[in-house]
């Protein structure tokens, strides 16, 4: 796998402590070349943080698309991203999958087990997020959502028996430092750096992830 990164590439994308959502979204587009789009945001209602969508029972308060055609909003332009977040500075940062990356989503416990196993195997990882709803999302090359079911079956697992989901075209992930209501913010379990700019193929990660999910059942 090619690992040589031009010296001009940013090595520390998430500076997020004290950084605005606008600046972070712009840097994802500018430095990582990820498409981004603004989602819902949190509003204080009677002292309680609620989702701007108005649903008091919202499952991902402040961290989901604002409209059905959200895919049309996604942009890789830093200039357009800046303009969108200037309109709503508190909007969550959402990243569409199926474009520059797919994501393999597993439970947090399985994800940490897989990370330890991958380290021992000396696998090259892409960025990995950790969400407040206790999920981990491993960024891989596009096409994973098509490949993963067959890869899991070839390993001897039934797809329905594992809590392992590949997110591709038509799906999205929330990026740090997006907050899920009072549950906390999305974090990086593995940060985007110059070293992991080139993403692994799903085939490289499915075995340790499926093993960890099988142990976690």
N, C-alpha and C. Protein backbone atom coordinates (compact mmCIF):
# COMPACT_ATOMS: atom_id res chain seq x y z
N UNK A 1 0.84 -1.20 0.00
CA UNK A 1 0.00 0.00 0.00
C UNK A 1 0.88 1.24 0.00
N UNK A 2 0.54 2.21 -0.86
CA UNK A 2 1.33 3.44 -0.98
C UNK A 2 1.20 4.26 0.28
N UNK A 3 2.32 4.68 0.85
CA UNK A 3 2.29 5.43 2.10
C UNK A 3 2.99 6.78 2.01
N UNK A 4 3.61 7.08 0.88
CA UNK A 4 4.35 8.32 0.76
C UNK A 4 3.39 9.49 0.67
N UNK A 5 3.54 10.47 1.56
CA UNK A 5 2.65 11.61 1.61
C UNK A 5 3.44 12.87 1.29
N UNK A 6 2.96 13.73 0.40
CA UNK A 6 3.66 14.98 0.14
C UNK A 6 3.81 15.79 1.41
N UNK A 7 4.89 16.52 1.52
CA UNK A 7 5.17 17.28 2.74
C UNK A 7 4.11 18.32 3.03
N UNK A 8 3.37 18.71 2.00
CA UNK A 8 2.36 19.75 2.20
C UNK A 8 1.08 19.21 2.82
N UNK A 9 0.91 17.90 2.89
CA UNK A 9 -0.33 17.34 3.43
C UNK A 9 -0.39 17.54 4.94
N UNK A 10 -1.57 17.92 5.43
CA UNK A 10 -1.74 18.11 6.87
C UNK A 10 -1.68 16.78 7.58
N UNK A 11 -0.96 16.74 8.70
CA UNK A 11 -0.80 15.49 9.42
C UNK A 11 -1.71 15.41 10.64
N UNK A 12 -2.26 16.53 11.07
CA UNK A 12 -3.07 16.51 12.28
C UNK A 12 -4.39 17.23 12.03
N UNK A 13 -5.26 16.55 11.32
CA UNK A 13 -6.56 17.12 10.97
C UNK A 13 -7.33 17.60 12.20
N UNK A 14 -7.56 16.73 13.21
CA UNK A 14 -8.45 17.14 14.29
C UNK A 14 -7.76 17.95 15.36
N UNK A 15 -7.80 19.25 15.22
CA UNK A 15 -7.28 20.18 16.20
C UNK A 15 -8.40 20.55 17.14
N UNK A 16 -9.49 19.84 17.21
CA UNK A 16 -10.79 20.36 17.55
C UNK A 16 -10.99 21.07 18.89
N UNK A 17 -10.09 20.87 19.84
CA UNK A 17 -10.28 21.53 21.13
C UNK A 17 -10.27 23.05 20.91
N UNK A 18 -11.39 23.69 21.19
CA UNK A 18 -11.48 25.14 21.03
C UNK A 18 -11.71 25.60 19.60
N UNK A 19 -11.78 24.67 18.66
CA UNK A 19 -11.97 25.03 17.26
C UNK A 19 -13.45 24.98 16.92
N UNK A 20 -13.92 25.91 16.10
CA UNK A 20 -15.33 25.94 15.75
C UNK A 20 -15.69 24.79 14.81
N UNK A 21 -16.98 24.45 14.78
CA UNK A 21 -17.46 23.43 13.85
C UNK A 21 -17.18 23.87 12.41
N UNK A 22 -17.33 25.15 12.15
CA UNK A 22 -17.07 25.67 10.81
C UNK A 22 -15.62 25.38 10.40
N UNK A 23 -14.67 25.74 11.27
CA UNK A 23 -13.26 25.54 10.92
C UNK A 23 -12.94 24.06 10.75
N UNK A 24 -13.53 23.21 11.58
CA UNK A 24 -13.26 21.77 11.48
C UNK A 24 -13.82 21.21 10.18
N UNK A 25 -15.05 21.59 9.83
CA UNK A 25 -15.67 21.12 8.59
C UNK A 25 -14.84 21.56 7.38
N UNK A 26 -14.38 22.79 7.40
CA UNK A 26 -13.58 23.31 6.30
C UNK A 26 -12.27 22.53 6.18
N UNK A 27 -11.66 22.19 7.29
CA UNK A 27 -10.40 21.46 7.24
C UNK A 27 -10.60 20.03 6.76
N UNK A 28 -11.73 19.40 7.10
CA UNK A 28 -12.01 18.06 6.57
C UNK A 28 -12.06 18.10 5.04
N UNK A 29 -12.70 19.13 4.50
CA UNK A 29 -12.81 19.26 3.04
C UNK A 29 -11.48 19.65 2.42
N UNK A 30 -10.80 20.59 3.05
CA UNK A 30 -9.59 21.16 2.47
C UNK A 30 -8.38 20.25 2.61
N UNK A 31 -8.22 19.63 3.78
CA UNK A 31 -7.02 18.87 4.05
C UNK A 31 -7.17 17.38 3.78
N UNK A 32 -8.38 16.86 3.98
CA UNK A 32 -8.59 15.42 3.78
C UNK A 32 -9.33 15.13 2.48
N UNK A 33 -9.89 16.17 1.88
CA UNK A 33 -10.67 16.02 0.65
C UNK A 33 -11.90 15.14 0.87
N UNK A 34 -12.49 15.21 2.06
CA UNK A 34 -13.74 14.52 2.34
C UNK A 34 -14.90 15.43 1.98
N UNK A 35 -15.97 14.87 1.44
CA UNK A 35 -17.21 15.63 1.28
C UNK A 35 -17.82 15.81 2.67
N UNK A 36 -18.40 16.96 2.90
CA UNK A 36 -19.05 17.25 4.18
C UNK A 36 -20.41 17.88 3.91
N UNK A 37 -21.31 17.76 4.88
CA UNK A 37 -22.56 18.51 4.79
C UNK A 37 -23.08 18.76 6.21
N UNK A 38 -23.78 19.89 6.41
CA UNK A 38 -24.27 20.23 7.74
C UNK A 38 -25.55 19.47 8.08
N UNK A 39 -25.61 18.99 9.31
CA UNK A 39 -26.81 18.31 9.77
C UNK A 39 -27.58 19.15 10.77
N UNK A 40 -28.35 18.50 11.60
CA UNK A 40 -29.11 19.20 12.63
C UNK A 40 -28.15 19.75 13.69
N UNK A 41 -28.69 20.46 14.64
CA UNK A 41 -27.89 21.04 15.72
C UNK A 41 -28.70 20.99 17.01
N UNK A 42 -28.06 21.33 18.11
CA UNK A 42 -28.72 21.29 19.42
C UNK A 42 -29.23 22.67 19.80
N UNK A 43 -30.42 22.69 20.37
CA UNK A 43 -31.02 23.92 20.86
C UNK A 43 -31.44 23.73 22.31
N UNK A 44 -31.25 24.76 23.12
CA UNK A 44 -31.65 24.69 24.53
C UNK A 44 -33.14 25.01 24.63
N UNK A 45 -33.92 24.05 25.15
CA UNK A 45 -35.35 24.23 25.34
C UNK A 45 -35.66 23.92 26.81
N UNK A 46 -36.04 24.96 27.55
CA UNK A 46 -36.30 24.80 29.00
C UNK A 46 -35.11 24.16 29.71
N UNK A 47 -33.92 24.59 29.31
CA UNK A 47 -32.71 24.10 29.97
C UNK A 47 -32.25 22.74 29.51
N UNK A 48 -32.96 22.15 28.51
CA UNK A 48 -32.59 20.83 28.00
C UNK A 48 -32.12 20.96 26.56
N UNK A 49 -31.01 20.26 26.23
CA UNK A 49 -30.50 20.28 24.86
C UNK A 49 -31.34 19.36 23.98
N UNK A 50 -32.03 19.94 22.99
CA UNK A 50 -32.87 19.15 22.11
C UNK A 50 -32.46 19.35 20.67
N UNK A 51 -32.86 18.39 19.84
CA UNK A 51 -32.50 18.44 18.42
C UNK A 51 -33.31 19.51 17.70
N UNK A 52 -32.67 20.17 16.76
CA UNK A 52 -33.33 21.21 15.98
C UNK A 52 -34.46 20.66 15.11
N UNK A 53 -34.53 19.32 14.95
CA UNK A 53 -35.60 18.72 14.15
C UNK A 53 -36.96 18.82 14.86
N UNK A 54 -36.95 19.08 16.17
CA UNK A 54 -38.18 19.25 16.91
C UNK A 54 -38.74 17.99 17.53
N UNK A 55 -38.16 16.83 17.22
CA UNK A 55 -38.63 15.55 17.76
C UNK A 55 -38.02 15.35 19.15
N UNK A 56 -38.85 15.36 20.18
CA UNK A 56 -38.33 15.23 21.55
C UNK A 56 -37.76 13.84 21.79
N UNK A 57 -38.13 12.87 20.96
CA UNK A 57 -37.62 11.50 21.10
C UNK A 57 -36.57 11.18 20.03
N UNK A 58 -35.95 12.20 19.47
CA UNK A 58 -34.96 12.01 18.40
C UNK A 58 -33.87 11.04 18.84
N UNK A 59 -33.57 10.06 17.98
CA UNK A 59 -32.58 9.04 18.34
C UNK A 59 -31.15 9.52 18.24
N UNK A 60 -30.90 10.57 17.46
CA UNK A 60 -29.55 11.12 17.32
C UNK A 60 -29.64 12.64 17.37
N UNK A 61 -30.02 13.18 18.55
CA UNK A 61 -30.26 14.62 18.65
C UNK A 61 -29.04 15.45 18.28
N UNK A 62 -29.23 16.34 17.29
CA UNK A 62 -28.15 17.21 16.85
C UNK A 62 -27.13 16.54 15.97
N UNK A 63 -27.46 15.37 15.42
CA UNK A 63 -26.44 14.63 14.66
C UNK A 63 -27.05 13.79 13.54
N UNK A 64 -27.94 14.38 12.76
CA UNK A 64 -28.50 13.66 11.61
C UNK A 64 -28.86 14.67 10.53
N UNK A 65 -29.10 14.22 9.29
CA UNK A 65 -29.42 15.15 8.20
C UNK A 65 -30.68 15.95 8.49
N UNK A 66 -30.75 17.11 7.87
CA UNK A 66 -31.91 17.98 8.07
C UNK A 66 -33.01 17.76 7.05
N UNK A 67 -32.69 17.05 5.95
CA UNK A 67 -33.68 16.89 4.88
C UNK A 67 -33.40 15.60 4.10
N UNK A 68 -34.42 15.05 3.44
CA UNK A 68 -34.26 13.78 2.72
C UNK A 68 -33.22 13.83 1.60
N UNK A 69 -33.09 14.98 0.95
CA UNK A 69 -32.14 15.07 -0.16
C UNK A 69 -30.77 15.58 0.30
N UNK A 70 -30.37 15.15 1.49
CA UNK A 70 -29.11 15.63 2.08
C UNK A 70 -27.91 15.37 1.17
N UNK A 71 -27.97 14.32 0.35
CA UNK A 71 -26.82 13.99 -0.50
C UNK A 71 -26.48 15.12 -1.46
N UNK A 72 -27.48 15.93 -1.82
CA UNK A 72 -27.23 17.04 -2.73
C UNK A 72 -26.47 18.17 -2.06
N UNK A 73 -26.45 18.18 -0.73
CA UNK A 73 -25.74 19.23 0.02
C UNK A 73 -24.25 18.94 0.16
N UNK A 74 -23.88 17.67 0.10
CA UNK A 74 -22.50 17.27 0.41
C UNK A 74 -21.53 17.88 -0.59
N UNK A 75 -20.46 18.45 -0.07
CA UNK A 75 -19.49 19.13 -0.92
C UNK A 75 -18.06 18.86 -0.48
N UNK A 76 -17.17 18.81 -1.43
CA UNK A 76 -15.75 18.69 -1.12
C UNK A 76 -15.05 20.03 -1.22
N UNK A 77 -15.81 21.09 -1.45
CA UNK A 77 -15.25 22.44 -1.58
C UNK A 77 -15.18 23.12 -0.22
N UNK A 78 -13.98 23.53 0.17
CA UNK A 78 -13.81 24.23 1.44
C UNK A 78 -14.58 25.54 1.44
N UNK A 79 -14.63 26.20 0.28
CA UNK A 79 -15.34 27.48 0.17
C UNK A 79 -16.83 27.30 0.40
N UNK A 80 -17.41 26.26 -0.23
CA UNK A 80 -18.84 26.00 -0.06
C UNK A 80 -19.14 25.54 1.36
N UNK A 81 -18.25 24.72 1.92
CA UNK A 81 -18.44 24.27 3.31
C UNK A 81 -18.45 25.47 4.26
N UNK A 82 -17.53 26.39 4.07
CA UNK A 82 -17.48 27.58 4.92
C UNK A 82 -18.79 28.36 4.82
N UNK A 83 -19.31 28.49 3.61
CA UNK A 83 -20.54 29.24 3.41
C UNK A 83 -21.71 28.56 4.12
N UNK A 84 -21.77 27.22 4.06
CA UNK A 84 -22.88 26.49 4.68
C UNK A 84 -22.85 26.62 6.20
N UNK A 85 -21.65 26.49 6.79
CA UNK A 85 -21.59 26.59 8.26
C UNK A 85 -21.69 28.02 8.76
N UNK A 86 -21.42 29.00 7.90
CA UNK A 86 -21.65 30.39 8.29
C UNK A 86 -23.13 30.65 8.47
N UNK A 87 -23.97 29.94 7.69
CA UNK A 87 -25.42 30.08 7.82
C UNK A 87 -25.93 29.46 9.11
N UNK A 88 -25.30 28.34 9.54
CA UNK A 88 -25.70 27.69 10.79
C UNK A 88 -24.44 27.15 11.48
N UNK A 89 -23.78 28.00 12.30
CA UNK A 89 -22.49 27.65 12.90
C UNK A 89 -22.52 26.44 13.84
N UNK A 90 -23.72 26.07 14.33
CA UNK A 90 -23.80 24.96 15.28
C UNK A 90 -24.24 23.65 14.64
N UNK A 91 -24.33 23.64 13.32
CA UNK A 91 -24.75 22.41 12.62
C UNK A 91 -23.72 21.31 12.81
N UNK A 92 -24.21 20.08 12.97
CA UNK A 92 -23.31 18.93 13.08
C UNK A 92 -22.55 18.73 11.78
N UNK A 93 -21.40 18.05 11.87
CA UNK A 93 -20.59 17.76 10.69
C UNK A 93 -20.85 16.32 10.28
N UNK A 94 -21.45 16.14 9.12
CA UNK A 94 -21.76 14.80 8.63
C UNK A 94 -20.96 14.52 7.37
N UNK A 95 -20.53 13.27 7.22
CA UNK A 95 -19.71 12.85 6.08
C UNK A 95 -20.43 11.74 5.33
N UNK A 96 -20.73 11.92 4.04
CA UNK A 96 -21.39 10.85 3.29
C UNK A 96 -20.42 9.71 3.01
N UNK A 97 -20.88 8.49 3.18
CA UNK A 97 -20.07 7.33 2.81
C UNK A 97 -20.37 6.96 1.36
N UNK A 98 -19.50 6.11 0.79
CA UNK A 98 -19.70 5.71 -0.59
C UNK A 98 -19.04 6.64 -1.59
N UNK A 99 -18.31 7.63 -1.09
CA UNK A 99 -17.63 8.57 -1.99
C UNK A 99 -16.11 8.41 -1.83
N UNK A 100 -15.52 9.13 -0.90
CA UNK A 100 -14.08 8.97 -0.68
C UNK A 100 -13.78 7.83 0.28
N UNK A 101 -14.78 7.36 0.99
CA UNK A 101 -14.58 6.22 1.88
C UNK A 101 -15.92 5.56 2.19
N UNK A 102 -15.87 4.28 2.59
CA UNK A 102 -16.98 3.60 3.24
C UNK A 102 -16.60 3.45 4.70
N UNK A 103 -17.51 2.97 5.52
CA UNK A 103 -17.20 2.77 6.93
C UNK A 103 -17.78 1.43 7.39
N UNK A 104 -16.99 0.69 8.15
CA UNK A 104 -17.47 -0.56 8.75
C UNK A 104 -17.77 -0.27 10.21
N UNK A 105 -19.02 -0.47 10.58
CA UNK A 105 -19.52 -0.06 11.90
C UNK A 105 -19.73 -1.30 12.79
N UNK A 106 -19.15 -1.25 14.00
CA UNK A 106 -19.26 -2.37 14.95
C UNK A 106 -19.48 -1.81 16.35
N UNK A 107 -19.91 -2.65 17.30
CA UNK A 107 -20.04 -2.18 18.68
C UNK A 107 -18.68 -1.75 19.25
N UNK A 108 -18.71 -0.83 20.18
CA UNK A 108 -17.48 -0.30 20.78
C UNK A 108 -16.60 -1.40 21.37
N UNK A 109 -17.19 -2.35 22.09
CA UNK A 109 -16.38 -3.40 22.73
C UNK A 109 -15.67 -4.25 21.68
N UNK A 110 -16.38 -4.58 20.61
CA UNK A 110 -15.77 -5.35 19.54
C UNK A 110 -14.71 -4.52 18.83
N UNK A 111 -14.98 -3.24 18.67
CA UNK A 111 -14.03 -2.36 17.99
C UNK A 111 -12.70 -2.27 18.70
N UNK A 112 -12.73 -2.13 20.02
CA UNK A 112 -11.48 -2.04 20.77
C UNK A 112 -10.73 -3.38 20.75
N UNK A 113 -11.48 -4.47 20.81
CA UNK A 113 -10.86 -5.79 20.71
C UNK A 113 -10.19 -5.95 19.35
N UNK A 114 -10.88 -5.51 18.29
CA UNK A 114 -10.33 -5.60 16.94
C UNK A 114 -9.10 -4.71 16.78
N UNK A 115 -9.13 -3.52 17.38
CA UNK A 115 -7.98 -2.62 17.28
C UNK A 115 -6.73 -3.26 17.89
N UNK A 116 -6.90 -3.91 19.03
CA UNK A 116 -5.75 -4.58 19.66
C UNK A 116 -5.23 -5.70 18.77
N UNK A 117 -6.15 -6.45 18.18
CA UNK A 117 -5.76 -7.55 17.28
C UNK A 117 -5.07 -7.01 16.03
N UNK A 118 -5.58 -5.92 15.48
CA UNK A 118 -4.99 -5.32 14.29
C UNK A 118 -3.58 -4.80 14.57
N UNK A 119 -3.39 -4.27 15.76
CA UNK A 119 -2.06 -3.78 16.14
C UNK A 119 -1.06 -4.92 16.16
N UNK A 120 -1.49 -6.06 16.72
CA UNK A 120 -0.60 -7.22 16.76
C UNK A 120 -0.31 -7.73 15.34
N UNK A 121 -1.31 -7.60 14.46
CA UNK A 121 -1.15 -8.04 13.07
C UNK A 121 -0.40 -7.01 12.22
N UNK A 122 -0.12 -5.85 12.82
CA UNK A 122 0.57 -4.75 12.14
C UNK A 122 -0.18 -4.31 10.87
N UNK A 123 -1.51 -4.24 10.99
CA UNK A 123 -2.33 -3.77 9.87
C UNK A 123 -2.32 -2.25 9.82
N UNK A 124 -2.37 -1.71 8.62
CA UNK A 124 -2.47 -0.27 8.45
C UNK A 124 -3.93 0.14 8.53
N UNK A 125 -4.24 1.01 9.48
CA UNK A 125 -5.61 1.44 9.68
C UNK A 125 -5.86 2.81 9.08
N UNK A 126 -7.10 3.05 8.69
CA UNK A 126 -7.53 4.39 8.36
C UNK A 126 -8.08 5.04 9.62
N UNK A 127 -8.69 6.20 9.52
CA UNK A 127 -9.32 6.82 10.68
C UNK A 127 -10.44 5.94 11.24
N UNK A 128 -10.66 6.05 12.55
CA UNK A 128 -11.73 5.29 13.22
C UNK A 128 -12.43 6.23 14.18
N UNK A 129 -13.75 6.32 14.10
CA UNK A 129 -14.50 7.16 15.03
C UNK A 129 -15.13 6.32 16.14
N UNK A 130 -15.37 6.99 17.26
CA UNK A 130 -16.05 6.39 18.40
C UNK A 130 -17.22 7.30 18.73
N UNK A 131 -18.44 6.77 18.65
CA UNK A 131 -19.63 7.60 18.84
C UNK A 131 -20.19 7.46 20.25
N UNK A 132 -20.97 8.46 20.70
CA UNK A 132 -21.56 8.39 22.03
C UNK A 132 -22.54 7.24 22.22
N UNK A 133 -23.06 6.68 21.11
CA UNK A 133 -23.96 5.53 21.25
C UNK A 133 -23.19 4.21 21.18
N UNK A 134 -21.88 4.32 21.50
CA UNK A 134 -21.02 3.15 21.71
C UNK A 134 -20.84 2.31 20.44
N UNK A 135 -20.60 3.01 19.33
CA UNK A 135 -20.27 2.35 18.07
C UNK A 135 -18.91 2.85 17.59
N UNK A 136 -18.20 2.00 16.85
CA UNK A 136 -16.95 2.40 16.23
C UNK A 136 -17.08 2.23 14.73
N UNK A 137 -16.54 3.19 13.98
CA UNK A 137 -16.65 3.18 12.54
C UNK A 137 -15.26 3.25 11.93
N UNK A 138 -14.88 2.19 11.20
CA UNK A 138 -13.57 2.06 10.59
C UNK A 138 -13.66 2.52 9.14
N UNK A 139 -12.90 3.56 8.79
CA UNK A 139 -12.94 4.10 7.43
C UNK A 139 -12.10 3.22 6.51
N UNK A 140 -12.70 2.81 5.40
CA UNK A 140 -12.03 1.94 4.41
C UNK A 140 -12.31 2.48 3.01
N UNK A 141 -11.68 1.88 2.02
CA UNK A 141 -11.91 2.30 0.65
C UNK A 141 -13.37 2.10 0.24
N UNK A 142 -13.88 2.94 -0.65
CA UNK A 142 -15.26 2.76 -1.14
C UNK A 142 -15.44 1.37 -1.75
N UNK A 143 -16.65 0.87 -1.65
CA UNK A 143 -16.96 -0.46 -2.18
C UNK A 143 -17.13 -1.50 -1.10
N UNK A 144 -16.85 -1.13 0.14
CA UNK A 144 -16.94 -2.09 1.26
C UNK A 144 -18.35 -2.59 1.46
N UNK A 145 -19.33 -1.72 1.27
CA UNK A 145 -20.71 -2.13 1.53
C UNK A 145 -21.15 -3.27 0.61
N UNK A 146 -20.53 -3.37 -0.57
CA UNK A 146 -20.84 -4.46 -1.49
C UNK A 146 -20.04 -5.71 -1.14
N UNK A 147 -18.78 -5.52 -0.72
CA UNK A 147 -17.89 -6.65 -0.48
C UNK A 147 -18.12 -7.36 0.86
N UNK A 148 -18.44 -6.60 1.89
CA UNK A 148 -18.42 -7.14 3.25
C UNK A 148 -19.31 -8.37 3.46
N UNK A 149 -20.56 -8.39 2.98
CA UNK A 149 -21.38 -9.60 3.22
C UNK A 149 -20.72 -10.88 2.73
N UNK A 150 -20.15 -10.86 1.51
CA UNK A 150 -19.48 -12.06 0.98
C UNK A 150 -18.22 -12.39 1.78
N UNK A 151 -17.48 -11.36 2.17
CA UNK A 151 -16.26 -11.58 2.95
C UNK A 151 -16.58 -12.24 4.30
N UNK A 152 -17.66 -11.79 4.92
CA UNK A 152 -18.07 -12.36 6.21
C UNK A 152 -18.48 -13.82 6.03
N UNK A 153 -19.24 -14.11 4.97
CA UNK A 153 -19.67 -15.49 4.73
C UNK A 153 -18.48 -16.40 4.45
N UNK A 154 -17.48 -15.89 3.72
CA UNK A 154 -16.29 -16.70 3.43
C UNK A 154 -15.51 -17.04 4.69
N UNK A 155 -15.67 -16.21 5.73
CA UNK A 155 -15.00 -16.48 7.00
C UNK A 155 -15.79 -17.46 7.86
N UNK A 156 -16.94 -17.89 7.35
CA UNK A 156 -17.74 -18.89 8.06
C UNK A 156 -18.81 -18.32 8.97
N UNK A 157 -19.05 -17.01 8.86
CA UNK A 157 -20.07 -16.38 9.70
C UNK A 157 -21.33 -16.12 8.89
N UNK A 158 -22.46 -16.16 9.56
CA UNK A 158 -23.71 -15.69 8.96
C UNK A 158 -23.75 -14.18 9.15
N UNK A 159 -24.07 -13.44 8.10
CA UNK A 159 -24.08 -11.98 8.18
C UNK A 159 -25.03 -11.50 9.27
N UNK A 160 -26.17 -12.16 9.39
CA UNK A 160 -27.17 -11.74 10.39
C UNK A 160 -26.74 -12.05 11.82
N UNK A 161 -25.71 -12.90 11.99
CA UNK A 161 -25.30 -13.28 13.34
C UNK A 161 -24.30 -12.28 13.95
N UNK A 162 -23.76 -11.38 13.13
CA UNK A 162 -22.77 -10.43 13.63
C UNK A 162 -23.31 -9.01 13.58
N UNK A 163 -22.99 -8.23 14.60
CA UNK A 163 -23.37 -6.81 14.61
C UNK A 163 -22.27 -6.03 13.90
N UNK A 164 -22.19 -6.22 12.59
CA UNK A 164 -21.17 -5.62 11.75
C UNK A 164 -21.87 -5.10 10.49
N UNK A 165 -21.81 -3.80 10.28
CA UNK A 165 -22.54 -3.17 9.18
C UNK A 165 -21.58 -2.32 8.35
N UNK A 166 -21.63 -2.47 7.04
CA UNK A 166 -20.81 -1.63 6.15
C UNK A 166 -21.69 -0.51 5.60
N UNK A 167 -21.24 0.72 5.78
CA UNK A 167 -21.97 1.89 5.32
C UNK A 167 -21.35 2.39 4.02
N UNK A 168 -22.17 2.44 2.96
CA UNK A 168 -21.68 2.89 1.67
C UNK A 168 -22.56 3.96 1.09
N UNK A 169 -22.80 3.88 -0.20
CA UNK A 169 -23.58 4.91 -0.89
C UNK A 169 -24.96 5.06 -0.25
N UNK A 170 -25.36 6.30 0.00
CA UNK A 170 -26.66 6.58 0.60
C UNK A 170 -26.64 6.65 2.11
N UNK A 171 -25.48 6.41 2.72
CA UNK A 171 -25.36 6.48 4.18
C UNK A 171 -24.38 7.59 4.56
N UNK A 172 -24.22 7.80 5.85
CA UNK A 172 -23.35 8.86 6.33
C UNK A 172 -22.86 8.53 7.73
N UNK A 173 -21.80 9.23 8.15
CA UNK A 173 -21.32 9.13 9.53
C UNK A 173 -21.18 10.54 10.08
N UNK A 174 -21.31 10.66 11.39
CA UNK A 174 -21.08 11.94 12.07
C UNK A 174 -19.60 12.05 12.41
N UNK A 175 -19.01 13.21 12.15
CA UNK A 175 -17.58 13.40 12.38
C UNK A 175 -17.34 14.17 13.67
N UNK A 176 -16.22 13.90 14.34
CA UNK A 176 -15.84 14.71 15.50
C UNK A 176 -15.73 16.19 15.10
N UNK A 177 -16.13 17.12 15.97
CA UNK A 177 -16.60 16.94 17.35
C UNK A 177 -18.12 17.02 17.48
N UNK A 178 -18.87 16.52 16.51
CA UNK A 178 -20.33 16.53 16.55
C UNK A 178 -20.82 15.90 17.86
N UNK A 179 -21.83 16.54 18.47
CA UNK A 179 -22.39 16.05 19.73
C UNK A 179 -23.73 15.35 19.49
N UNK A 180 -23.97 14.28 20.28
CA UNK A 180 -25.25 13.58 20.28
C UNK A 180 -26.00 14.00 21.55
N UNK A 181 -26.71 15.10 21.51
CA UNK A 181 -27.44 15.56 22.68
C UNK A 181 -26.56 15.65 23.90
N UNK A 182 -27.06 15.11 25.01
CA UNK A 182 -26.31 15.13 26.28
C UNK A 182 -25.39 13.92 26.41
N UNK A 183 -25.36 13.06 25.39
CA UNK A 183 -24.57 11.83 25.49
C UNK A 183 -23.09 12.04 25.25
N UNK A 184 -22.73 13.18 24.69
CA UNK A 184 -21.32 13.45 24.44
C UNK A 184 -21.04 13.64 22.97
N UNK A 185 -19.76 13.76 22.65
CA UNK A 185 -19.35 14.06 21.29
C UNK A 185 -18.70 12.85 20.61
N UNK A 186 -18.78 12.82 19.29
CA UNK A 186 -18.04 11.83 18.51
C UNK A 186 -16.55 12.13 18.68
N UNK A 187 -15.74 11.08 18.85
CA UNK A 187 -14.30 11.24 19.04
C UNK A 187 -13.55 10.39 18.02
N UNK A 188 -12.26 10.65 17.91
CA UNK A 188 -11.41 9.80 17.08
C UNK A 188 -10.79 8.70 17.95
N UNK A 189 -11.02 7.46 17.58
CA UNK A 189 -10.29 6.35 18.21
C UNK A 189 -8.93 6.23 17.52
N UNK A 190 -8.92 6.50 16.21
CA UNK A 190 -7.68 6.62 15.43
C UNK A 190 -7.82 7.88 14.59
N UNK A 191 -6.99 8.86 14.86
CA UNK A 191 -7.10 10.16 14.18
C UNK A 191 -6.67 10.10 12.73
N UNK A 192 -7.21 10.99 11.92
CA UNK A 192 -6.71 11.12 10.55
C UNK A 192 -5.32 11.76 10.58
N UNK A 193 -4.36 11.12 9.99
CA UNK A 193 -3.00 11.64 9.94
C UNK A 193 -2.43 11.43 8.54
N UNK A 194 -1.26 11.96 8.31
CA UNK A 194 -0.60 11.73 7.01
C UNK A 194 -0.35 10.25 6.80
N UNK A 195 -0.06 9.53 7.88
CA UNK A 195 0.28 8.10 7.77
C UNK A 195 -0.91 7.25 7.34
N UNK A 196 -2.13 7.68 7.66
CA UNK A 196 -3.28 6.84 7.28
C UNK A 196 -4.17 7.51 6.24
N UNK A 197 -3.58 8.41 5.47
CA UNK A 197 -4.36 9.07 4.42
C UNK A 197 -4.84 8.06 3.37
N UNK A 198 -4.00 7.07 3.08
CA UNK A 198 -4.38 6.02 2.12
C UNK A 198 -5.11 4.92 2.87
N UNK A 199 -6.38 4.75 2.57
CA UNK A 199 -7.23 3.86 3.35
C UNK A 199 -7.02 2.39 3.01
N UNK A 200 -7.25 1.51 3.99
CA UNK A 200 -7.17 0.07 3.71
C UNK A 200 -8.41 -0.39 2.96
N UNK A 201 -8.30 -1.54 2.33
CA UNK A 201 -9.46 -2.17 1.70
C UNK A 201 -10.22 -2.94 2.78
N UNK A 202 -11.52 -3.06 2.62
CA UNK A 202 -12.33 -3.78 3.60
C UNK A 202 -11.80 -5.19 3.86
N UNK A 203 -11.28 -5.81 2.80
CA UNK A 203 -10.79 -7.19 2.90
C UNK A 203 -9.69 -7.32 3.95
N UNK A 204 -8.92 -6.25 4.17
CA UNK A 204 -7.83 -6.29 5.14
C UNK A 204 -8.33 -6.27 6.59
N UNK A 205 -9.51 -5.70 6.81
CA UNK A 205 -9.99 -5.51 8.18
C UNK A 205 -11.13 -6.44 8.59
N UNK A 206 -11.80 -7.04 7.63
CA UNK A 206 -13.00 -7.81 7.96
C UNK A 206 -12.71 -8.98 8.89
N UNK A 207 -11.62 -9.68 8.69
CA UNK A 207 -11.33 -10.85 9.52
C UNK A 207 -11.22 -10.49 11.00
N UNK A 208 -10.36 -9.52 11.41
CA UNK A 208 -10.30 -9.18 12.83
C UNK A 208 -11.59 -8.56 13.34
N UNK A 209 -12.29 -7.82 12.50
CA UNK A 209 -13.55 -7.22 12.94
C UNK A 209 -14.62 -8.29 13.16
N UNK A 210 -14.72 -9.24 12.23
CA UNK A 210 -15.71 -10.31 12.37
C UNK A 210 -15.38 -11.18 13.59
N UNK A 211 -14.11 -11.48 13.79
CA UNK A 211 -13.69 -12.26 14.95
C UNK A 211 -14.09 -11.55 16.25
N UNK A 212 -13.83 -10.24 16.30
CA UNK A 212 -14.15 -9.47 17.52
C UNK A 212 -15.65 -9.42 17.74
N UNK A 213 -16.43 -9.26 16.67
CA UNK A 213 -17.89 -9.22 16.80
C UNK A 213 -18.42 -10.58 17.25
N UNK A 214 -17.80 -11.66 16.76
CA UNK A 214 -18.21 -12.99 17.19
C UNK A 214 -17.94 -13.20 18.67
N UNK A 215 -16.81 -12.70 19.16
CA UNK A 215 -16.49 -12.80 20.59
C UNK A 215 -17.42 -11.94 21.44
N UNK A 216 -17.92 -10.87 20.84
CA UNK A 216 -18.71 -9.88 21.59
C UNK A 216 -20.20 -10.25 21.67
N UNK A 217 -20.60 -11.34 21.01
CA UNK A 217 -22.04 -11.69 20.99
C UNK A 217 -22.52 -12.12 22.36
